[in-house]
C-alpha atoms as a PDB file:
ATOM      1  CA  MET A   1      27.946   2.511   1.943  1.00  0.00           C
ATOM      2  CA  ALA A   2      28.109   1.882  -1.799  1.00  0.00           C
ATOM      3  CA  GLY A   3      31.053  -0.484  -1.304  1.00  0.00           C
ATOM      4  CA  SER A   4      29.083  -2.626   1.124  1.00  0.00           C
ATOM      5  CA  GLN A   5      26.195  -2.899  -1.333  1.00  0.00           C
ATOM      6  CA  GLU A   6      28.563  -4.105  -4.035  1.00  0.00           C
ATOM      7  CA  ALA A   7      29.988  -6.735  -1.720  1.00  0.00           C
ATOM      8  CA  GLY A   8      26.466  -7.877  -0.860  1.00  0.00           C
ATOM      9  CA  SER A   9      25.509  -8.183  -4.504  1.00  0.00           C
ATOM     10  CA  ASN A  10      28.659 -10.190  -5.239  1.00  0.00           C
ATOM     11  CA  VAL A  11      27.839 -12.606  -2.440  1.00  0.00           C
ATOM     12  CA  ALA A  12      24.277 -13.030  -3.698  1.00  0.00           C
ATOM     13  CA  GLY A  13      25.540 -13.567  -7.246  1.00  0.00           C
ATOM     14  CA  SER A  14      28.129 -16.104  -6.160  1.00  0.00           C
ATOM     15  CA  LYS A  15      25.547 -18.011  -4.134  1.00  0.00           C
ATOM     16  CA  GLY A  16      23.512 -18.709  -7.281  1.00  0.00           C
ATOM     17  CA  ALA A  17      26.645 -19.801  -9.150  1.00  0.00           C
ATOM     18  CA  ARG A  18      27.705 -21.917  -6.201  1.00  0.00           C
ATOM     19  CA  HIS A  19      24.572 -24.060  -6.393  1.00  0.00           C
ATOM     20  CA  GLY A  20      25.688 -25.592  -9.689  1.00  0.00           C
ATOM     21  CA  GLY A  21      29.210 -26.015  -8.345  1.00  0.00           C
ATOM     22  CA  ASN A  22      27.877 -27.970  -5.392  1.00  0.00           C
ATOM     23  CA  LEU A  23      26.173 -30.454  -7.685  1.00  0.00           C
ATOM     24  CA  PHE A  24      29.426 -30.943  -9.563  1.00  0.00           C
ATOM     25  CA  THR A  25      31.252 -31.485  -6.257  1.00  0.00           C
ATOM     26  CA  VAL A  26      28.682 -34.047  -5.095  1.00  0.00           C
ATOM     27  CA  LEU A  27      28.861 -35.915  -8.407  1.00  0.00           C
ATOM     28  CA  SER A  28      32.659 -35.893  -8.356  1.00  0.00           C
ATOM     29  CA  ALA A  29      32.835 -37.120  -4.772  1.00  0.00           C
ATOM     30  CA  THR A  30      30.258 -39.811  -5.509  1.00  0.00           C
ATOM     31  CA  ALA A  31      32.241 -41.007  -8.528  1.00  0.00           C
ATOM     32  CA  LEU A  32      35.362 -41.235  -6.380  1.00  0.00           C
ATOM     33  CA  ILE A  33      33.596 -43.100  -3.561  1.00  0.00           C
ATOM     34  CA  ALA A  34      31.831 -45.458  -5.987  1.00  0.00           C
ATOM     35  CA  THR A  35      35.064 -46.280  -7.821  1.00  0.00           C
ATOM     36  CA  GLU A  36      36.908 -47.004  -4.590  1.00  0.00           C
ATOM     37  CA  ALA A  37      34.031 -49.069  -3.210  1.00  0.00           C
ATOM     38  CA  LEU A  38      33.697 -51.163  -6.380  1.00  0.00           C
ATOM     39  CA  ALA A  39      37.447 -51.742  -6.648  1.00  0.00           C
ATOM     40  CA  THR A  40      37.557 -52.810  -3.008  1.00  0.00           C
ATOM     41  CA  ALA A  41      34.553 -55.097  -3.489  1.00  0.00           C
ATOM     42  CA  VAL A  42      36.071 -56.863  -6.490  1.00  0.00           C
ATOM     43  CA  ALA A  43      39.445 -57.221  -4.767  1.00  0.00           C
ATOM     44  CA  ALA A  44      37.832 -58.543  -1.586  1.00  0.00           C
ATOM     45  CA  GLY A  45      35.785 -61.102  -3.549  1.00  0.00           C
ATOM     46  CA  TRP A  46      38.859 -62.253  -5.434  1.00  0.00           C
ATOM     47  CA  ALA A  47      41.011 -62.482  -2.284  1.00  0.00           C
ATOM     48  CA  LEU A  48      38.402 -64.222  -0.142  1.00  0.00           C
ATOM     49  CA  ALA A  49      37.566 -66.746  -2.852  1.00  0.00           C
ATOM     50  CA  GLY A  50      41.263 -67.496  -3.322  1.00  0.00           C
ATOM     51  CA  LEU A  51      41.776 -67.866   0.424  1.00  0.00           C
ATOM     52  CA  LEU A  52      38.848 -70.272   0.753  1.00  0.00           C
ATOM     53  CA  ASN A  53      39.579 -72.130  -2.530  1.00  0.00           C
ATOM     54  CA  LEU A  54      36.078 -71.464  -3.874  1.00  0.00           C
ATOM     55  CA  GLY A  55      37.034 -71.634  -7.548  1.00  0.00           C
ATOM     56  CA  ASP A  56      35.888 -69.389 -10.348  1.00  0.00           C
ATOM     57  CA  VAL A  57      32.177 -69.631  -9.628  1.00  0.00           C
ATOM     58  CA  GLY A  58      32.657 -68.769  -5.959  1.00  0.00           C
ATOM     59  CA  GLU A  59      34.985 -65.946  -6.918  1.00  0.00           C
ATOM     60  CA  TYR A  60      32.446 -64.389  -9.283  1.00  0.00           C
ATOM     61  CA  ALA A  61      29.630 -64.897  -6.775  1.00  0.00           C
ATOM     62  CA  LEU A  62      31.544 -63.084  -4.033  1.00  0.00           C
ATOM     63  CA  MET A  63      32.587 -60.319  -6.421  1.00  0.00           C
ATOM     64  CA  GLY A  64      28.959 -59.850  -7.449  1.00  0.00           C
ATOM     65  CA  LEU A  65      27.685 -59.894  -3.872  1.00  0.00           C
ATOM     66  CA  PHE A  66      30.292 -57.410  -2.684  1.00  0.00           C
ATOM     67  CA  SER A  67      29.754 -55.229  -5.761  1.00  0.00           C
ATOM     68  CA  LEU A  68      26.019 -55.005  -5.090  1.00  0.00           C
ATOM     69  CA  THR A  69      26.851 -53.882  -1.562  1.00  0.00           C
ATOM     70  CA  ALA A  70      29.281 -51.282  -2.928  1.00  0.00           C
ATOM     71  CA  VAL A  71      26.661 -49.929  -5.335  1.00  0.00           C
ATOM     72  CA  TYR A  72      24.138 -49.692  -2.500  1.00  0.00           C
ATOM     73  CA  VAL A  73      26.637 -47.804  -0.320  1.00  0.00           C
ATOM     74  CA  SER A  74      27.402 -45.439  -3.208  1.00  0.00           C
ATOM     75  CA  VAL A  75      23.708 -44.671  -3.779  1.00  0.00           C
ATOM     76  CA  VAL A  76      23.179 -44.013  -0.072  1.00  0.00           C
ATOM     77  CA  TYR A  77      26.239 -41.750  -0.053  1.00  0.00           C
ATOM     78  CA  PHE A  78      24.950 -39.805  -3.063  1.00  0.00           C
ATOM     79  CA  ARG A  79      21.504 -39.292  -1.548  1.00  0.00           C
ATOM     80  CA  ARG A  80      22.920 -38.088   1.761  1.00  0.00           C
ATOM     81  CA  ALA A  81      25.452 -35.806   0.084  1.00  0.00           C
ATOM     82  CA  VAL A  82      22.738 -34.192  -2.055  1.00  0.00           C
ATOM     83  CA  ARG A  83      20.558 -33.696   1.028  1.00  0.00           C
ATOM     84  CA  VAL A  84      23.393 -32.094   2.984  1.00  0.00           C
ATOM     85  CA  GLU A  85      24.451 -29.831   0.109  1.00  0.00           C
ATOM     86  CA  ALA A  86      20.842 -28.732  -0.422  1.00  0.00           C
ATOM     87  CA  SER A  87      20.508 -27.830   3.254  1.00  0.00           C
ATOM     88  CA  LEU A  88      23.761 -25.842   3.179  1.00  0.00           C
ATOM     89  CA  THR A  89      22.876 -23.728   0.139  1.00  0.00           C
ATOM     90  CA  VAL A  90      19.425 -22.648   1.314  1.00  0.00           C
END
């Protein structure tokens, strides 16, 4: 009986410590997703502008447009990941 109480207290203690770990995981995953999305956006703008012969101004415009989209996707990802992690730890 005493062994089961110890196991229960360890689980409760780890749950509190896990909450901070989940935030770190969400931030790390968001940084990874945001980096990949921004790199893809810049590469797509560069490639599409080169394919269509848009010049430097067109290249920068497409990079900016695609980068704004990538930032938006990253923010949406972060918000959803925080919501899911909060629902799992309750």
